[in-house]
PDB file of N, CA and C in Angstrom:
ATOM      1  N   MET A   1      22.748  21.216  34.960  1.00  0.00           N
ATOM      2  CA  MET A   1      22.188  21.074  36.286  1.00  0.00           C
ATOM      3  C   MET A   1      20.800  20.434  36.240  1.00  0.00           C
ATOM      4  N   LEU A   2      20.017  20.856  35.252  1.00  0.00           N
ATOM      5  CA  LEU A   2      18.657  20.337  35.145  1.00  0.00           C
ATOM      6  C   LEU A   2      18.658  18.840  34.841  1.00  0.00           C
ATOM      7  N   ALA A   3      19.566  18.420  33.973  1.00  0.00           N
ATOM      8  CA  ALA A   3      19.661  16.988  33.647  1.00  0.00           C
ATOM      9  C   ALA A   3      20.065  16.186  34.876  1.00  0.00           C
ATOM     10  N   LEU A   4      20.952  16.737  35.683  1.00  0.00           N
ATOM     11  CA  LEU A   4      21.370  16.056  36.906  1.00  0.00           C
ATOM     12  C   LEU A   4      20.225  15.984  37.907  1.00  0.00           C
ATOM     13  N   ALA A   5      19.450  17.052  37.993  1.00  0.00           N
ATOM     14  CA  ALA A   5      18.342  17.093  38.949  1.00  0.00           C
ATOM     15  C   ALA A   5      17.281  16.046  38.635  1.00  0.00           C
ATOM     16  N   PHE A   6      17.117  15.700  37.375  1.00  0.00           N
ATOM     17  CA  PHE A   6      16.102  14.720  36.988  1.00  0.00           C
ATOM     18  C   PHE A   6      16.705  13.386  36.549  1.00  0.00           C
ATOM     19  N   SER A   7      17.924  13.104  36.998  1.00  0.00           N
ATOM     20  CA  SER A   7      18.555  11.836  36.645  1.00  0.00           C
ATOM     21  C   SER A   7      17.848  10.681  37.356  1.00  0.00           C
ATOM     22  N   PRO A   8      17.771   9.522  36.721  1.00  0.00           N
ATOM     23  CA  PRO A   8      17.085   8.375  37.330  1.00  0.00           C
ATOM     24  C   PRO A   8      17.619   7.987  38.716  1.00  0.00           C
ATOM     25  N   PRO A   9      18.941   7.967  38.951  1.00  0.00           N
ATOM     26  CA  PRO A   9      19.382   7.604  40.295  1.00  0.00           C
ATOM     27  C   PRO A   9      18.896   8.592  41.372  1.00  0.00           C
ATOM     28  N   LEU A  10      18.913   9.871  41.058  1.00  0.00           N
ATOM     29  CA  LEU A  10      18.451  10.860  42.024  1.00  0.00           C
ATOM     30  C   LEU A  10      16.952  10.736  42.245  1.00  0.00           C
ATOM     31  N   MET A  11      16.203  10.596  41.190  1.00  0.00           N
ATOM     32  CA  MET A  11      14.749  10.455  41.324  1.00  0.00           C
ATOM     33  C   MET A  11      14.393   9.176  42.092  1.00  0.00           C
ATOM     34  N   GLY A  12      15.100   8.087  41.789  1.00  0.00           N
ATOM     35  CA  GLY A  12      14.864   6.845  42.520  1.00  0.00           C
ATOM     36  C   GLY A  12      15.177   6.991  43.995  1.00  0.00           C
ATOM     37  N   GLY A  13      16.264   7.684  44.294  1.00  0.00           N
ATOM     38  CA  GLY A  13      16.618   7.918  45.690  1.00  0.00           C
ATOM     39  C   GLY A  13      15.573   8.735  46.418  1.00  0.00           C
ATOM     40  N   LEU A  14      15.033   9.729  45.749  1.00  0.00           N
ATOM     41  CA  LEU A  14      13.991  10.555  46.363  1.00  0.00           C
ATOM     42  C   LEU A  14      12.715   9.761  46.603  1.00  0.00           C
ATOM     43  N   VAL A  15      12.364   8.894  45.661  1.00  0.00           N
ATOM     44  CA  VAL A  15      11.180   8.050  45.837  1.00  0.00           C
ATOM     45  C   VAL A  15      11.380   7.101  47.026  1.00  0.00           C
ATOM     46  N   LEU A  16      12.553   6.475  47.110  1.00  0.00           N
ATOM     47  CA  LEU A  16      12.833   5.577  48.235  1.00  0.00           C
ATOM     48  C   LEU A  16      12.837   6.329  49.560  1.00  0.00           C
ATOM     49  N   PHE A  17      13.362   7.556  49.540  1.00  0.00           N
ATOM     50  CA  PHE A  17      13.350   8.377  50.750  1.00  0.00           C
ATOM     51  C   PHE A  17      11.910   8.673  51.167  1.00  0.00           C
ATOM     52  N   GLY A  18      11.047   8.955  50.198  1.00  0.00           N
ATOM     53  CA  GLY A  18       9.634   9.191  50.500  1.00  0.00           C
ATOM     54  C   GLY A  18       8.986   7.966  51.126  1.00  0.00           C
ATOM     55  N   PHE A  19       9.287   6.780  50.580  1.00  0.00           N
ATOM     56  CA  PHE A  19       8.753   5.551  51.165  1.00  0.00           C
ATOM     57  C   PHE A  19       9.266   5.345  52.586  1.00  0.00           C
ATOM     58  N   SER A  20      10.524   5.686  52.832  1.00  0.00           N
ATOM     59  CA  SER A  20      11.068   5.510  54.180  1.00  0.00           C
ATOM     60  C   SER A  20      10.376   6.441  55.170  1.00  0.00           C
ATOM     61  N   ILE A  21      10.026   7.642  54.728  1.00  0.00           N
ATOM     62  CA  ILE A  21       9.296   8.566  55.604  1.00  0.00           C
ATOM     63  C   ILE A  21       7.916   7.992  55.932  1.00  0.00           C
ATOM     64  N   LEU A  22       7.228   7.462  54.924  1.00  0.00           N
ATOM     65  CA  LEU A  22       5.917   6.861  55.168  1.00  0.00           C
ATOM     66  C   LEU A  22       6.024   5.665  56.109  1.00  0.00           C
ATOM     67  N   ALA A  23       7.039   4.832  55.914  1.00  0.00           N
ATOM     68  CA  ALA A  23       7.234   3.677  56.798  1.00  0.00           C
ATOM     69  C   ALA A  23       7.504   4.129  58.227  1.00  0.00           C
ATOM     70  N   TRP A  24       8.295   5.179  58.380  1.00  0.00           N
ATOM     71  CA  TRP A  24       8.612   5.695  59.711  1.00  0.00           C
ATOM     72  C   TRP A  24       7.349   6.218  60.391  1.00  0.00           C
ATOM     73  N   LEU A  25       6.479   6.884  59.645  1.00  0.00           N
ATOM     74  CA  LEU A  25       5.226   7.377  60.211  1.00  0.00           C
ATOM     75  C   LEU A  25       4.327   6.227  60.654  1.00  0.00           C
ATOM     76  N   VAL A  26       4.310   5.149  59.875  1.00  0.00           N
ATOM     77  CA  VAL A  26       3.528   3.975  60.266  1.00  0.00           C
ATOM     78  C   VAL A  26       4.086   3.374  61.560  1.00  0.00           C
ATOM     79  N   VAL A  27       5.405   3.261  61.634  1.00  0.00           N
ATOM     80  CA  VAL A  27       6.030   2.708  62.842  1.00  0.00           C
ATOM     81  C   VAL A  27       5.706   3.583  64.048  1.00  0.00           C
ATOM     82  N   LEU A  28       5.822   4.892  63.892  1.00  0.00           N
ATOM     83  CA  LEU A  28       5.555   5.800  65.015  1.00  0.00           C
ATOM     84  C   LEU A  28       4.092   5.794  65.425  1.00  0.00           C
ATOM     85  N   SER A  29       3.200   5.442  64.520  1.00  0.00           N
ATOM     86  CA  SER A  29       1.783   5.377  64.881  1.00  0.00           C
ATOM     87  C   SER A  29       1.473   4.124  65.700  1.00  0.00           C
ATOM     88  N   ARG A  30       2.394   3.160  65.691  1.00  0.00           N
ATOM     89  CA  ARG A  30       2.132   1.897  66.383  1.00  0.00           C
ATOM     90  C   ARG A  30       3.027   1.638  67.587  1.00  0.00           C
ATOM     91  N   LEU A  31       4.159   2.339  67.666  1.00  0.00           N
ATOM     92  CA  LEU A  31       5.095   2.133  68.765  1.00  0.00           C
ATOM     93  C   LEU A  31       5.416   3.458  69.428  1.00  0.00           C
ATOM     94  N   PRO A  32       5.746   3.426  70.716  1.00  0.00           N
ATOM     95  CA  PRO A  32       6.217   4.656  71.364  1.00  0.00           C
ATOM     96  C   PRO A  32       7.586   5.053  70.790  1.00  0.00           C
ATOM     97  N   VAL A  33       7.834   6.337  70.762  1.00  0.00           N
ATOM     98  CA  VAL A  33       9.095   6.844  70.226  1.00  0.00           C
ATOM     99  C   VAL A  33      10.282   6.269  70.997  1.00  0.00           C
ATOM    100  N   SER A  34      10.130   6.068  72.292  1.00  0.00           N
ATOM    101  CA  SER A  34      11.231   5.551  73.109  1.00  0.00           C
ATOM    102  C   SER A  34      11.631   4.139  72.704  1.00  0.00           C
ATOM    103  N   ILE A  35      10.769   3.436  72.004  1.00  0.00           N
ATOM    104  CA  ILE A  35      11.091   2.097  71.502  1.00  0.00           C
ATOM    105  C   ILE A  35      11.493   2.172  70.026  1.00  0.00           C
ATOM    106  N   ALA A  36      10.752   2.923  69.240  1.00  0.00           N
ATOM    107  CA  ALA A  36      10.976   2.964  67.792  1.00  0.00           C
ATOM    108  C   ALA A  36      12.306   3.618  67.422  1.00  0.00           C
ATOM    109  N   TYR A  37      12.643   4.703  68.086  1.00  0.00           N
ATOM    110  CA  TYR A  37      13.836   5.443  67.676  1.00  0.00           C
ATOM    111  C   TYR A  37      15.124   4.636  67.861  1.00  0.00           C
ATOM    112  N   PRO A  38      15.305   3.945  68.992  1.00  0.00           N
ATOM    113  CA  PRO A  38      16.516   3.112  69.099  1.00  0.00           C
ATOM    114  C   PRO A  38      16.569   2.001  68.045  1.00  0.00           C
ATOM    115  N   MET A  39      15.419   1.512  67.622  1.00  0.00           N
ATOM    116  CA  MET A  39      15.405   0.471  66.584  1.00  0.00           C
ATOM    117  C   MET A  39      15.971   1.013  65.272  1.00  0.00           C
ATOM    118  N   ALA A  40      15.858   2.309  65.054  1.00  0.00           N
ATOM    119  CA  ALA A  40      16.389   2.911  63.826  1.00  0.00           C
ATOM    120  C   ALA A  40      17.906   2.775  63.761  1.00  0.00           C
ATOM    121  N   SER A  41      18.561   2.630  64.908  1.00  0.00           N
ATOM    122  CA  SER A  41      20.015   2.474  64.907  1.00  0.00           C
ATOM    123  C   SER A  41      20.447   1.143  64.281  1.00  0.00           C
ATOM    124  N   LEU A  42      19.517   0.232  64.128  1.00  0.00           N
ATOM    125  CA  LEU A  42      19.847  -1.027  63.454  1.00  0.00           C
ATOM    126  C   LEU A  42      20.189  -0.791  61.988  1.00  0.00           C
ATOM    127  N   GLY A  43      19.832   0.372  61.471  1.00  0.00           N
ATOM    128  CA  GLY A  43      20.214   0.724  60.112  1.00  0.00           C
ATOM    129  C   GLY A  43      21.721   0.742  59.934  1.00  0.00           C
ATOM    130  N   TYR A  44      22.460   1.146  60.970  1.00  0.00           N
ATOM    131  CA  TYR A  44      23.920   1.132  60.915  1.00  0.00           C
ATOM    132  C   TYR A  44      24.440  -0.301  60.793  1.00  0.00           C
ATOM    133  N   VAL A  45      23.808  -1.204  61.509  1.00  0.00           N
ATOM    134  CA  VAL A  45      24.213  -2.613  61.465  1.00  0.00           C
ATOM    135  C   VAL A  45      23.944  -3.182  60.072  1.00  0.00           C
ATOM    136  N   VAL A  46      22.762  -2.901  59.543  1.00  0.00           N
ATOM    137  CA  VAL A  46      22.402  -3.401  58.212  1.00  0.00           C
ATOM    138  C   VAL A  46      23.349  -2.828  57.159  1.00  0.00           C
ATOM    139  N   ALA A  47      23.651  -1.533  57.248  1.00  0.00           N
ATOM    140  CA  ALA A  47      24.549  -0.908  56.273  1.00  0.00           C
ATOM    141  C   ALA A  47      25.932  -1.542  56.321  1.00  0.00           C
ATOM    142  N   ALA A  48      26.426  -1.803  57.515  1.00  0.00           N
ATOM    143  CA  ALA A  48      27.741  -2.427  57.649  1.00  0.00           C
ATOM    144  C   ALA A  48      27.740  -3.835  57.059  1.00  0.00           C
ATOM    145  N   LEU A  49      26.686  -4.595  57.345  1.00  0.00           N
ATOM    146  CA  LEU A  49      26.613  -5.963  56.819  1.00  0.00           C
ATOM    147  C   LEU A  49      26.472  -5.966  55.296  1.00  0.00           C
ATOM    148  N   LEU A  50      25.675  -5.053  54.763  1.00  0.00           N
ATOM    149  CA  LEU A  50      25.540  -4.974  53.306  1.00  0.00           C
ATOM    150  C   LEU A  50      26.857  -4.567  52.652  1.00  0.00           C
ATOM    151  N   GLY A  51      27.612  -3.696  53.315  1.00  0.00           N
ATOM    152  CA  GLY A  51      28.914  -3.307  52.796  1.00  0.00           C
ATOM    153  C   GLY A  51      29.878  -4.474  52.738  1.00  0.00           C
ATOM    154  N   VAL A  52      29.821  -5.312  53.738  1.00  0.00           N
ATOM    155  CA  VAL A  52      30.690  -6.495  53.766  1.00  0.00           C
ATOM    156  C   VAL A  52      30.275  -7.492  52.685  1.00  0.00           C
ATOM    157  N   VAL A  53      28.979  -7.756  52.593  1.00  0.00           N
ATOM    158  CA  VAL A  53      28.493  -8.787  51.674  1.00  0.00           C
ATOM    159  C   VAL A  53      28.599  -8.351  50.217  1.00  0.00           C
ATOM    160  N   PHE A  54      28.127  -7.145  49.910  1.00  0.00           N
ATOM    161  CA  PHE A  54      28.037  -6.743  48.506  1.00  0.00           C
ATOM    162  C   PHE A  54      29.241  -5.945  48.009  1.00  0.00           C
ATOM    163  N   LEU A  55      29.877  -5.191  48.893  1.00  0.00           N
ATOM    164  CA  LEU A  55      31.001  -4.358  48.461  1.00  0.00           C
ATOM    165  C   LEU A  55      32.354  -4.906  48.898  1.00  0.00           C
ATOM    166  N   ARG A  56      32.316  -6.018  49.616  1.00  0.00           N
ATOM    167  CA  ARG A  56      33.526  -6.673  50.108  1.00  0.00           C
ATOM    168  C   ARG A  56      34.408  -5.721  50.918  1.00  0.00           C
ATOM    169  N   GLU A  57      33.750  -4.881  51.722  1.00  0.00           N
ATOM    170  CA  GLU A  57      34.489  -3.952  52.577  1.00  0.00           C
ATOM    171  C   GLU A  57      35.106  -4.720  53.746  1.00  0.00           C
ATOM    172  N   PRO A  58      36.298  -4.340  54.143  1.00  0.00           N
ATOM    173  CA  PRO A  58      36.903  -5.009  55.307  1.00  0.00           C
ATOM    174  C   PRO A  58      36.201  -4.567  56.594  1.00  0.00           C
ATOM    175  N   VAL A  59      36.169  -5.487  57.547  1.00  0.00           N
ATOM    176  CA  VAL A  59      35.576  -5.189  58.853  1.00  0.00           C
ATOM    177  C   VAL A  59      36.669  -5.282  59.892  1.00  0.00           C
ATOM    178  N   HIS A  60      36.780  -4.249  60.700  1.00  0.00           N
ATOM    179  CA  HIS A  60      37.797  -4.220  61.742  1.00  0.00           C
ATOM    180  C   HIS A  60      37.179  -4.583  63.083  1.00  0.00           C
ATOM    181  N   VAL A  61      38.019  -4.919  64.022  1.00  0.00           N
ATOM    182  CA  VAL A  61      37.562  -5.375  65.337  1.00  0.00           C
ATOM    183  C   VAL A  61      36.687  -4.320  66.003  1.00  0.00           C
ATOM    184  N   LEU A  62      37.071  -3.055  65.950  1.00  0.00           N
ATOM    185  CA  LEU A  62      36.276  -2.011  66.594  1.00  0.00           C
ATOM    186  C   LEU A  62      34.903  -1.866  65.939  1.00  0.00           C
ATOM    187  N   GLN A  63      34.817  -2.108  64.648  1.00  0.00           N
ATOM    188  CA  GLN A  63      33.517  -2.067  63.982  1.00  0.00           C
ATOM    189  C   GLN A  63      32.625  -3.196  64.483  1.00  0.00           C
ATOM    190  N   ILE A  64      33.204  -4.366  64.639  1.00  0.00           N
ATOM    191  CA  ILE A  64      32.438  -5.504  65.157  1.00  0.00           C
ATOM    192  C   ILE A  64      31.978  -5.221  66.576  1.00  0.00           C
ATOM    193  N   VAL A  65      32.853  -4.656  67.394  1.00  0.00           N
ATOM    194  CA  VAL A  65      32.484  -4.299  68.765  1.00  0.00           C
ATOM    195  C   VAL A  65      31.337  -3.294  68.743  1.00  0.00           C
ATOM    196  N   GLY A  66      31.413  -2.298  67.872  1.00  0.00           N
ATOM    197  CA  GLY A  66      30.344  -1.304  67.769  1.00  0.00           C
ATOM    198  C   GLY A  66      29.025  -1.927  67.359  1.00  0.00           C
ATOM    199  N   ILE A  67      29.057  -2.838  66.409  1.00  0.00           N
ATOM    200  CA  ILE A  67      27.838  -3.517  65.974  1.00  0.00           C
ATOM    201  C   ILE A  67      27.239  -4.332  67.116  1.00  0.00           C
ATOM    202  N   VAL A  68      28.087  -5.019  67.863  1.00  0.00           N
ATOM    203  CA  VAL A  68      27.605  -5.813  69.001  1.00  0.00           C
ATOM    204  C   VAL A  68      26.994  -4.895  70.056  1.00  0.00           C
ATOM    205  N   VAL A  69      27.625  -3.763  70.330  1.00  0.00           N
ATOM    206  CA  VAL A  69      27.101  -2.824  71.329  1.00  0.00           C
ATOM    207  C   VAL A  69      25.739  -2.286  70.893  1.00  0.00           C
ATOM    208  N   ILE A  70      25.603  -1.940  69.614  1.00  0.00           N
ATOM    209  CA  ILE A  70      24.319  -1.453  69.107  1.00  0.00           C
ATOM    210  C   ILE A  70      23.245  -2.529  69.275  1.00  0.00           C
ATOM    211  N   CYS A  71      23.567  -3.751  68.885  1.00  0.00           N
ATOM    212  CA  CYS A  71      22.596  -4.839  68.993  1.00  0.00           C
ATOM    213  C   CYS A  71      22.214  -5.117  70.447  1.00  0.00           C
ATOM    214  N   LEU A  72      23.184  -5.082  71.334  1.00  0.00           N
ATOM    215  CA  LEU A  72      22.879  -5.277  72.762  1.00  0.00           C
ATOM    216  C   LEU A  72      21.998  -4.160  73.294  1.00  0.00           C
ATOM    217  N   GLY A  73      22.299  -2.933  72.920  1.00  0.00           N
ATOM    218  CA  GLY A  73      21.495  -1.796  73.370  1.00  0.00           C
ATOM    219  C   GLY A  73      20.066  -1.876  72.875  1.00  0.00           C
ATOM    220  N   VAL A  74      19.896  -2.194  71.607  1.00  0.00           N
ATOM    221  CA  VAL A  74      18.544  -2.323  71.055  1.00  0.00           C
ATOM    222  C   VAL A  74      17.820  -3.491  71.720  1.00  0.00           C
ATOM    223  N   GLY A  75      18.534  -4.572  71.958  1.00  0.00           N
ATOM    224  CA  GLY A  75      17.931  -5.710  72.646  1.00  0.00           C
ATOM    225  C   GLY A  75      17.473  -5.372  74.057  1.00  0.00           C
ATOM    226  N   LEU A  76      18.290  -4.607  74.782  1.00  0.00           N
ATOM    227  CA  LEU A  76      17.907  -4.191  76.135  1.00  0.00           C
ATOM    228  C   LEU A  76      16.685  -3.295  76.109  1.00  0.00           C
ATOM    229  N   ILE A  77      16.641  -2.378  75.173  1.00  0.00           N
ATOM    230  CA  ILE A  77      15.492  -1.475  75.076  1.00  0.00           C
ATOM    231  C   ILE A  77      14.239  -2.251  74.702  1.00  0.00           C
ATOM    232  N   ALA A  78      14.351  -3.166  73.754  1.00  0.00           N
ATOM    233  CA  ALA A  78      13.188  -3.975  73.348  1.00  0.00           C
ATOM    234  C   ALA A  78      12.717  -4.847  74.506  1.00  0.00           C
ATOM    235  N   ARG A  79      13.662  -5.370  75.261  1.00  0.00           N
ATOM    236  CA  ARG A  79      13.285  -6.223  76.406  1.00  0.00           C
ATOM    237  C   ARG A  79      12.593  -5.422  77.499  1.00  0.00           C
ATOM    238  N   SER A  80      13.021  -4.166  77.672  1.00  0.00           N
ATOM    239  CA  SER A  80      12.413  -3.345  78.709  1.00  0.00           C
ATOM    240  C   SER A  80      10.986  -2.941  78.336  1.00  0.00           C
ATOM    241  N   ALA A  81      10.630  -3.041  77.064  1.00  0.00           N
ATOM    242  CA  ALA A  81       9.293  -2.659  76.624  1.00  0.00           C
ATOM    243  C   ALA A  81       8.272  -3.758  76.901  1.00  0.00           C
ATOM    244  N   VAL A  82       8.745  -4.969  77.109  1.00  0.00           N
ATOM    245  CA  VAL A  82       7.833  -6.093  77.362  1.00  0.00           C
ATOM    246  C   VAL A  82       7.432  -6.068  78.827  1.00  0.00           C
ATOM    247  N   PRO A  83       6.116  -6.047  79.083  1.00  0.00           N
ATOM    248  CA  PRO A  83       5.673  -6.004  80.509  1.00  0.00           C
ATOM    249  C   PRO A  83       5.928  -7.291  81.247  1.00  0.00           C
TER     250      PRO A  83
END
C-alpha cells in the first residue's frame, strides 16, 4: 500500500491537482463565479476532444450534440457578461 501511495503517477496527479486548485483560485479572484463556473464545463469538451485525438475513441451523434450544447451555453453566458 505504501509503495502505491508514493507511486510517481499518483504523486504527479496530486501535484497537477494542486496546480489546478491554484489556477481556479486565480480565475475566481478575477471573474465572478457566475461567469467562471460555467467556463469549467469546457473541461468536458476538452476531455472528449483529447479522447478522440489521442485515444482514438469513437464519437457518437449524441456526444457531438452534447458538446455543441455545452459550447453554445458557455458562449451565451460569456456574451451576457459583456456590457
